[in-house]
């Protein structure tokens, strides 16, 4: 039952509009600045081996150094709370927002193989947290819902998908499931307002951004979805191991300025060698799907592993950004790889399942991932069944791998 008798919830339903406007404008500015920067530096390149620009290497090295200098001047700790944890906590300290978002903007423009999810969570959540603080509301549940509404508003704007943003914020937030609707309604209001602002100015949306052939469901695809879910967990395990190895190597570099410059240079070198691995991977996945018929299995394996190293070097060099978009790219690439090896499997099935299941292996938001996969590749309700099976199977498989291989507990 909705707590409409409580004054803080009544105010939140009204303030959701304000949060949507503020987060929507903030997301519009951030995405405009970073999008213009990355397009300027990384928008003109080939797709084959060594068709990137050689000057990306000094550019990303300088970017890594710049980020390291800024972090040192502003005394930003080496470990910064990731956006998934921020959503779990449903709180962003308002004083941390501007410096961390500024560093993330520099990171993305300088070619980090990371995405905007971190900054969008910081911006929206920070606005919501600041708002409830200014109102003097002390109720813990109220603080959480204001922050989550802000996060949903920012994501709904930048992703131009308000339903996905509201569901994601509700799934990741700490609100008990019996109060799911309590969190969902203001989040959807705010996300819709943010979407209206962003889409009204840019006219862009994630929906249908990955054009694939029409898909015809077959009951055997449910089994295929389950197998692809298991495969997704092993792909994510490879990424985790690569990140651990690279992180361990960089931990031996005591000077953060040197680490930033070296890590940035490696990011640029990988992008120069394989331009499809550059930046967040969102536009690169679109290109990859368009030319998929010309890409062989060996090349796709190289892109897949190179992207994992690019993400690891970006994180170890001190760049700040989200990992959701890079993992979606990894999922889409893995789907193309499976289709290239088993061409009898529909490309839409392979890409759709792995695009959702690889992030689904670590992200406790199955409904959101099914929605984003269905929305971005444009499939109907029946075709969601194999994707849903893949997401659930990947999460279960990853839980087992974390317990018995990595010997760690799955995060909240």
Protein backbone atom coordinates (compact mmCIF):
# COMPACT_ATOMS: atom_id res chain seq x y z
CA UNK A 1 0.00 0.00 0.00
CA UNK A 2 1.32 3.43 -0.91
CA UNK A 3 2.28 5.68 2.06
CA UNK A 4 0.18 8.54 0.68
CA UNK A 5 -0.72 9.52 4.23
CA UNK A 6 2.90 10.43 4.95
CA UNK A 7 3.90 14.01 4.17
CA UNK A 8 7.33 13.11 2.79
CA UNK A 9 5.81 10.82 0.16
CA UNK A 10 3.24 13.43 -0.84
CA UNK A 11 6.05 15.92 -1.30
CA UNK A 12 8.15 13.40 -3.23
CA UNK A 13 5.37 12.83 -5.75
CA UNK A 14 5.40 16.58 -6.41
CA UNK A 15 9.16 16.96 -6.24
CA UNK A 16 9.66 14.09 -8.71
CA UNK A 17 8.93 16.64 -11.43
CA UNK A 18 11.62 18.99 -10.11
CA UNK A 19 14.10 16.13 -9.73
CA UNK A 20 13.31 15.02 -13.29
CA UNK A 21 13.98 18.50 -14.65
CA UNK A 22 17.23 18.95 -12.69
CA UNK A 23 18.58 15.47 -13.44
CA UNK A 24 17.41 15.65 -17.06
CA UNK A 25 19.20 18.94 -17.69
CA UNK A 26 22.33 17.69 -15.89
CA UNK A 27 22.37 14.48 -17.96
CA UNK A 28 21.83 16.50 -21.13
CA UNK A 29 24.83 18.72 -20.34
CA UNK A 30 27.07 15.83 -19.32
CA UNK A 31 26.21 13.64 -22.29
CA UNK A 32 26.51 16.62 -24.62
CA UNK A 33 30.00 17.52 -23.40
CA UNK A 34 31.37 13.98 -23.28
CA UNK A 35 29.63 12.90 -26.48
CA UNK A 36 31.04 15.88 -28.38
CA UNK A 37 34.51 15.21 -26.97
CA UNK A 38 34.61 11.51 -27.76
CA UNK A 39 33.17 12.07 -31.25
CA UNK A 40 35.81 14.70 -31.93
CA UNK A 41 38.73 12.51 -30.88
CA UNK A 42 37.45 9.00 -31.61
CA UNK A 43 34.65 9.40 -34.12
CA UNK A 44 36.72 8.94 -37.27
CA UNK A 45 38.43 5.56 -37.50
CA UNK A 46 38.34 2.23 -39.28
CA UNK A 47 37.12 -1.09 -38.00
CA UNK A 48 39.93 -3.46 -38.99
CA UNK A 49 43.30 -4.18 -37.38
CA UNK A 50 45.52 -1.11 -36.90
CA UNK A 51 43.06 1.32 -38.44
CA UNK A 52 42.84 3.59 -35.42
CA UNK A 53 44.77 6.85 -35.11
CA UNK A 54 48.33 6.58 -33.77
CA UNK A 55 47.95 9.82 -31.82
CA UNK A 56 45.33 8.14 -29.62
CA UNK A 57 48.25 6.67 -27.67
CA UNK A 58 49.74 10.00 -26.49
CA UNK A 59 46.21 11.40 -26.09
CA UNK A 60 45.08 8.68 -23.70
CA UNK A 61 48.46 8.71 -21.92
CA UNK A 62 48.06 12.45 -21.33
CA UNK A 63 44.45 11.83 -20.28
CA UNK A 64 45.52 9.26 -17.72
CA UNK A 65 48.16 11.64 -16.39
CA UNK A 66 45.67 14.51 -16.23
CA UNK A 67 43.15 12.44 -14.33
CA UNK A 68 45.86 11.31 -11.89
CA UNK A 69 46.92 14.93 -11.29
CA UNK A 70 43.33 16.06 -10.70
CA UNK A 71 42.69 13.18 -8.33
CA UNK A 72 45.85 14.04 -6.38
CA UNK A 73 45.02 17.77 -6.19
CA UNK A 74 41.45 17.08 -5.08
CA UNK A 75 42.55 14.27 -2.77
CA UNK A 76 40.26 11.71 -4.37
CA UNK A 77 40.90 8.27 -2.82
CA UNK A 78 42.15 5.43 -5.00
CA UNK A 79 38.95 3.45 -4.44
CA UNK A 80 35.72 5.26 -5.31
CA UNK A 81 32.30 3.76 -4.65
CA UNK A 82 30.96 2.24 -7.86
CA UNK A 83 27.50 3.17 -9.20
CA UNK A 84 25.96 -0.22 -8.44
CA UNK A 85 26.89 0.14 -4.78
CA UNK A 86 25.59 3.71 -4.77
CA UNK A 87 22.25 2.41 -6.05
CA UNK A 88 22.26 -0.35 -3.41
CA UNK A 89 22.89 2.30 -0.75
CA UNK A 90 20.37 4.69 -2.33
CA UNK A 91 22.47 7.66 -1.29
CA UNK A 92 25.10 9.90 -2.86
CA UNK A 93 27.00 12.38 -0.74
CA UNK A 94 26.18 15.72 -2.43
CA UNK A 95 29.63 17.20 -1.76
CA UNK A 96 31.32 14.46 -3.79
CA UNK A 97 29.24 14.89 -6.93
CA UNK A 98 30.88 17.74 -8.84
CA UNK A 99 34.54 16.65 -8.48
CA UNK A 100 33.81 13.01 -9.34
CA UNK A 101 31.56 13.90 -12.28
CA UNK A 102 34.22 16.32 -13.57
CA UNK A 103 36.88 13.59 -13.40
CA UNK A 104 34.53 11.17 -15.15
CA UNK A 105 33.93 13.70 -17.93
CA UNK A 106 37.68 14.13 -18.46
CA UNK A 107 38.11 10.35 -18.39
CA UNK A 108 35.49 9.68 -21.06
CA UNK A 109 36.68 12.48 -23.35
CA UNK A 110 40.26 11.21 -22.97
CA UNK A 111 39.23 7.81 -24.29
CA UNK A 112 38.60 5.68 -21.21
CA UNK A 113 37.03 2.34 -22.12
CA UNK A 114 34.25 3.10 -19.66
CA UNK A 115 30.74 4.52 -19.87
CA UNK A 116 28.58 7.34 -18.44
CA UNK A 117 26.66 5.19 -15.94
CA UNK A 118 28.88 6.29 -13.02
CA UNK A 119 28.41 10.00 -13.66
CA UNK A 120 24.67 9.68 -14.31
CA UNK A 121 24.19 7.84 -11.02
CA UNK A 122 26.27 10.45 -9.20
CA UNK A 123 24.42 13.36 -10.79
CA UNK A 124 20.87 12.09 -10.32
CA UNK A 125 21.48 10.53 -6.92
CA UNK A 126 23.39 13.59 -5.75
CA UNK A 127 20.57 15.91 -6.77
CA UNK A 128 18.04 13.73 -4.94
CA UNK A 129 20.25 13.49 -1.85
CA UNK A 130 20.87 17.25 -1.81
CA UNK A 131 17.17 17.94 -2.23
CA UNK A 132 16.04 15.82 0.70
CA UNK A 133 18.83 17.26 2.86
CA UNK A 134 17.73 20.82 2.08
CA UNK A 135 14.15 19.90 2.96
CA UNK A 136 15.34 18.70 6.38
CA UNK A 137 13.64 15.32 6.03
CA UNK A 138 15.25 12.80 8.38
CA UNK A 139 13.22 9.68 7.57
CA UNK A 140 15.65 7.04 6.24
CA UNK A 141 13.14 5.64 3.76
CA UNK A 142 12.44 9.12 2.44
CA UNK A 143 16.13 9.79 1.88
CA UNK A 144 16.45 6.56 -0.10
CA UNK A 145 13.43 7.28 -2.29
CA UNK A 146 14.55 10.83 -3.09
CA UNK A 147 18.00 9.59 -4.11
CA UNK A 148 16.57 6.73 -6.18
CA UNK A 149 14.13 9.05 -7.90
CA UNK A 150 17.04 11.32 -8.81
CA UNK A 151 19.05 8.38 -10.15
CA UNK A 152 16.11 7.17 -12.24
CA UNK A 153 15.59 10.68 -13.57
CA UNK A 154 19.19 10.95 -14.79
CA UNK A 155 19.22 7.49 -16.33
CA UNK A 156 15.79 7.94 -17.88
CA UNK A 157 17.08 11.08 -19.57
CA UNK A 158 20.41 9.84 -20.89
CA UNK A 159 19.14 6.40 -21.88
CA UNK A 160 15.90 7.90 -23.24
CA UNK A 161 14.10 4.91 -21.71
CA UNK A 162 12.10 5.98 -18.64
CA UNK A 163 10.54 2.57 -17.97
CA UNK A 164 13.94 0.86 -18.02
CA UNK A 165 15.44 3.52 -15.73
CA UNK A 166 12.61 3.31 -13.19
CA UNK A 167 12.71 -0.48 -13.08
CA UNK A 168 16.51 -0.50 -12.77
CA UNK A 169 16.52 2.00 -9.89
CA UNK A 170 13.78 0.05 -8.12
CA UNK A 171 15.54 -3.30 -8.60
CA UNK A 172 18.94 -2.06 -7.44
CA UNK A 173 17.68 0.07 -4.55
CA UNK A 174 17.38 -1.16 -0.95
CA UNK A 175 13.60 -0.69 -0.83
CA UNK A 176 11.96 -3.94 0.39
CA UNK A 177 10.18 -5.71 -2.43
CA UNK A 178 6.82 -5.37 -0.69
CA UNK A 179 7.25 -1.60 -1.13
CA UNK A 180 8.36 -1.90 -4.74
CA UNK A 181 5.49 0.25 -6.03
CA UNK A 182 6.35 2.94 -3.47
CA UNK A 183 9.74 3.41 -5.11
CA UNK A 184 8.62 2.77 -8.66
CA UNK A 185 5.94 5.47 -9.04
CA UNK A 186 8.06 8.57 -8.22
CA UNK A 187 11.03 7.04 -10.07
CA UNK A 188 8.89 6.64 -13.20
CA UNK A 189 7.57 10.21 -12.86
CA UNK A 190 11.08 11.63 -12.58
CA UNK A 191 12.50 9.42 -15.34
CA UNK A 192 9.70 10.41 -17.70
CA UNK A 193 10.32 14.12 -17.12
CA UNK A 194 14.07 13.61 -17.61
CA UNK A 195 13.37 11.65 -20.79
CA UNK A 196 11.09 14.40 -22.13
CA UNK A 197 13.84 16.97 -21.68
CA UNK A 198 16.64 14.87 -23.16
CA UNK A 199 14.65 13.43 -26.05
CA UNK A 200 13.05 16.80 -26.76
CA UNK A 201 16.47 18.34 -27.30
CA UNK A 202 18.44 15.48 -28.89
CA UNK A 203 15.74 13.30 -30.46
CA UNK A 204 17.89 10.25 -29.66
CA UNK A 205 16.92 7.07 -27.84
CA UNK A 206 18.48 3.71 -27.01
CA UNK A 207 15.38 1.85 -28.18
CA UNK A 208 16.00 0.06 -31.45
CA UNK A 209 19.60 1.31 -31.54
CA UNK A 210 20.97 -2.15 -32.35
CA UNK A 211 19.25 -3.16 -35.57
CA UNK A 212 19.09 -6.94 -36.07
CA UNK A 213 17.07 -9.25 -38.30
CA UNK A 214 13.56 -10.27 -37.27
CA UNK A 215 13.57 -13.18 -34.85
CA UNK A 216 11.23 -16.17 -34.90
CA UNK A 217 10.85 -18.01 -31.59
CA UNK A 218 11.42 -21.75 -31.33
CA UNK A 219 10.98 -23.83 -28.16
CA UNK A 220 14.50 -25.22 -28.56
CA UNK A 221 15.78 -21.68 -28.05
CA UNK A 222 14.87 -21.93 -24.37
CA UNK A 223 17.62 -24.52 -23.98
CA UNK A 224 19.93 -22.38 -26.09
CA UNK A 225 19.19 -19.45 -23.78
CA UNK A 226 20.13 -21.52 -20.74
CA UNK A 227 23.42 -22.62 -22.33
CA UNK A 228 24.22 -19.05 -23.34
CA UNK A 229 23.54 -18.01 -19.76
CA UNK A 230 26.17 -20.47 -18.51
CA UNK A 231 28.58 -19.20 -21.17
CA UNK A 232 27.92 -15.63 -20.02
CA UNK A 233 29.14 -16.44 -16.52
CA UNK A 234 32.42 -17.78 -17.87
CA UNK A 235 32.89 -14.72 -20.10
CA UNK A 236 32.37 -12.48 -17.06
CA UNK A 237 34.75 -14.68 -15.05
CA UNK A 238 37.44 -14.06 -17.70
CA UNK A 239 36.85 -10.31 -17.40
CA UNK A 240 37.12 -10.48 -13.60
CA UNK A 241 40.39 -12.42 -13.79
CA UNK A 242 41.87 -9.97 -16.31
CA UNK A 243 40.89 -7.04 -14.10
CA UNK A 244 42.46 -8.72 -11.07
CA UNK A 245 45.75 -9.40 -12.89
CA UNK A 246 46.03 -5.89 -14.32
CA UNK A 247 45.10 -4.37 -10.96
CA UNK A 248 47.76 -6.46 -9.19
CA UNK A 249 50.41 -5.32 -11.68
CA UNK A 250 49.49 -1.64 -11.31
CA UNK A 251 49.45 -1.97 -7.52
CA UNK A 252 53.23 -2.33 -7.77
CA UNK A 253 53.51 1.14 -9.32
CA UNK A 254 53.78 3.46 -6.33
CA UNK A 255 53.49 6.74 -8.25
CA UNK A 256 49.85 7.33 -9.35
CA UNK A 257 50.99 9.79 -12.04
CA UNK A 258 53.14 7.12 -13.66
CA UNK A 259 50.36 4.55 -13.33
CA UNK A 260 47.89 6.95 -14.93
CA UNK A 261 50.16 7.69 -17.87
CA UNK A 262 51.10 4.04 -18.49
CA UNK A 263 47.54 2.78 -18.12
CA UNK A 264 46.22 5.50 -20.41
CA UNK A 265 48.86 4.69 -23.03
CA UNK A 266 47.81 1.03 -23.05
CA UNK A 267 44.17 2.06 -23.50
CA UNK A 268 45.19 4.14 -26.53
CA UNK A 269 47.37 1.36 -27.92
CA UNK A 270 44.50 -1.14 -27.75
CA UNK A 271 42.16 1.33 -29.44
CA UNK A 272 44.76 2.02 -32.14
CA UNK A 273 45.14 -1.70 -32.81
CA UNK A 274 41.40 -2.46 -32.66
CA UNK A 275 39.27 0.71 -32.97
CA UNK A 276 36.09 -1.21 -32.13
CA UNK A 277 37.34 -1.34 -28.52
CA UNK A 278 37.52 2.45 -28.18
CA UNK A 279 35.53 4.44 -25.60
CA UNK A 280 32.39 3.06 -23.94
CA UNK A 281 31.51 0.70 -26.78
CA UNK A 282 27.97 1.95 -27.38
CA UNK A 283 28.46 3.35 -30.90
CA UNK A 284 31.10 0.70 -31.63
CA UNK A 285 28.58 -2.08 -30.99
CA UNK A 286 26.21 -0.45 -33.48
CA UNK A 287 29.00 -0.45 -36.08
CA UNK A 288 29.98 -4.01 -35.22
CA UNK A 289 26.43 -5.27 -35.75
CA UNK A 290 26.18 -3.44 -39.07
CA UNK A 291 29.31 -5.13 -40.44
CA UNK A 292 28.89 -8.44 -38.60
CA UNK A 293 28.80 -10.46 -41.84
CA UNK A 294 32.39 -9.43 -42.57
CA UNK A 295 33.79 -10.28 -39.14
CA UNK A 296 35.40 -13.67 -38.57
CA UNK A 297 35.49 -15.62 -35.31
CA UNK A 298 39.21 -14.98 -34.78
CA UNK A 299 38.78 -11.23 -35.12
CA UNK A 300 35.80 -11.21 -32.73
CA UNK A 301 37.80 -13.14 -30.14
CA UNK A 302 40.55 -10.54 -30.42
CA UNK A 303 38.06 -7.67 -29.99
CA UNK A 304 36.41 -9.39 -27.04
CA UNK A 305 39.62 -9.98 -25.10
CA UNK A 306 41.11 -6.61 -26.09
CA UNK A 307 38.02 -4.83 -24.76
CA UNK A 308 38.41 -6.62 -21.44
CA UNK A 309 42.01 -5.43 -21.17
CA UNK A 310 40.98 -1.91 -22.21
CA UNK A 311 38.45 -1.84 -19.35
CA UNK A 312 41.04 -3.18 -16.90
CA UNK A 313 43.70 -0.64 -17.94
CA UNK A 314 41.14 2.18 -17.79
CA UNK A 315 40.22 1.30 -14.21
CA UNK A 316 43.82 0.74 -13.09
CA UNK A 317 45.01 4.03 -14.57
CA UNK A 318 42.57 5.98 -12.39
CA UNK A 319 39.94 6.81 -14.99
CA UNK A 320 36.41 7.10 -13.58
CA UNK A 321 33.39 5.74 -15.43
CA UNK A 322 30.76 3.06 -15.47
CA UNK A 323 31.22 -0.51 -16.60
CA UNK A 324 27.64 -1.19 -17.76
CA UNK A 325 28.07 0.03 -21.35
CA UNK A 326 31.42 -1.75 -21.85
CA UNK A 327 29.88 -4.99 -20.58
CA UNK A 328 26.93 -4.56 -22.93
CA UNK A 329 29.50 -4.23 -25.74
CA UNK A 330 31.26 -7.36 -24.50
CA UNK A 331 27.92 -9.17 -24.43
CA UNK A 332 27.01 -8.10 -27.95
CA UNK A 333 30.44 -9.08 -29.26
CA UNK A 334 30.23 -12.46 -27.53
CA UNK A 335 26.83 -12.97 -29.17
CA UNK A 336 28.29 -12.26 -32.60
CA UNK A 337 31.10 -14.70 -31.84
CA UNK A 338 28.66 -17.49 -30.93
CA UNK A 339 26.68 -16.83 -34.12
CA UNK A 340 29.86 -16.89 -36.23
CA UNK A 341 30.78 -20.30 -34.78
CA UNK A 342 27.22 -21.66 -34.89
CA UNK A 343 25.59 -19.83 -37.84
CA UNK A 344 22.44 -21.98 -37.53
CA UNK A 345 21.60 -20.07 -34.35
CA UNK A 346 19.77 -16.80 -35.11
CA UNK A 347 22.03 -13.78 -34.66
CA UNK A 348 19.27 -11.92 -32.80
CA UNK A 349 18.95 -14.77 -30.30
CA UNK A 350 22.70 -14.93 -29.67
CA UNK A 351 23.23 -11.19 -29.35
CA UNK A 352 20.05 -10.61 -27.33
CA UNK A 353 20.80 -13.34 -24.80
CA UNK A 354 24.47 -12.50 -24.25
CA UNK A 355 23.91 -8.74 -24.32
CA UNK A 356 21.61 -9.15 -21.31
CA UNK A 357 23.09 -12.23 -19.64
CA UNK A 358 26.70 -11.05 -19.23
CA UNK A 359 25.72 -7.96 -17.20
CA UNK A 360 23.02 -10.17 -15.66
CA UNK A 361 25.73 -12.41 -14.25
CA UNK A 362 26.66 -9.74 -11.70
CA UNK A 363 23.82 -7.20 -11.77
CA UNK A 364 20.80 -8.12 -9.63
CA UNK A 365 18.33 -6.51 -12.02
CA UNK A 366 16.95 -9.24 -14.31
CA UNK A 367 13.80 -7.40 -15.41
CA UNK A 368 15.79 -4.29 -16.37
CA UNK A 369 18.26 -6.27 -18.43
CA UNK A 370 15.54 -8.20 -20.25
CA UNK A 371 13.83 -4.89 -21.05
CA UNK A 372 16.99 -3.21 -22.30
CA UNK A 373 17.91 -6.20 -24.47
CA UNK A 374 14.41 -6.42 -25.92
CA UNK A 375 14.21 -2.67 -26.44
CA UNK A 376 17.61 -2.09 -28.01
CA UNK A 377 17.44 -4.99 -30.48
CA UNK A 378 13.70 -4.61 -31.10
CA UNK A 379 12.15 -8.01 -30.34
CA UNK A 380 8.62 -8.98 -29.33
CA UNK A 381 7.35 -10.36 -26.00
CA UNK A 382 7.61 -14.05 -26.97
CA UNK A 383 11.28 -13.65 -27.86
CA UNK A 384 11.99 -12.38 -24.35
CA UNK A 385 11.64 -15.90 -22.93
CA UNK A 386 15.11 -17.18 -24.02
CA UNK A 387 16.66 -13.89 -22.88
CA UNK A 388 15.01 -14.25 -19.48
CA UNK A 389 16.28 -17.81 -19.16
CA UNK A 390 19.78 -16.66 -20.13
CA UNK A 391 19.80 -13.86 -17.53
CA UNK A 392 18.62 -16.12 -14.69
CA UNK A 393 21.00 -18.94 -15.66
CA UNK A 394 23.96 -16.57 -15.91
CA UNK A 395 23.30 -15.14 -12.45
CA UNK A 396 22.99 -18.61 -10.89
CA UNK A 397 26.14 -19.79 -12.68
CA UNK A 398 28.11 -16.73 -11.60
CA UNK A 399 27.02 -17.23 -8.00
CA UNK A 400 28.47 -20.75 -8.10
CA UNK A 401 31.69 -19.54 -9.75
CA UNK A 402 32.10 -16.79 -7.15
CA UNK A 403 31.70 -19.33 -4.36
CA UNK A 404 33.84 -22.18 -5.67
CA UNK A 405 36.32 -20.53 -8.07
CA UNK A 406 36.81 -16.96 -6.87
CA UNK A 407 35.98 -17.97 -3.27
CA UNK A 408 34.11 -14.78 -2.55
CA UNK A 409 30.55 -13.94 -1.63
CA UNK A 410 28.27 -12.28 -4.16
CA UNK A 411 27.87 -8.57 -3.36
CA UNK A 412 24.57 -7.35 -1.99
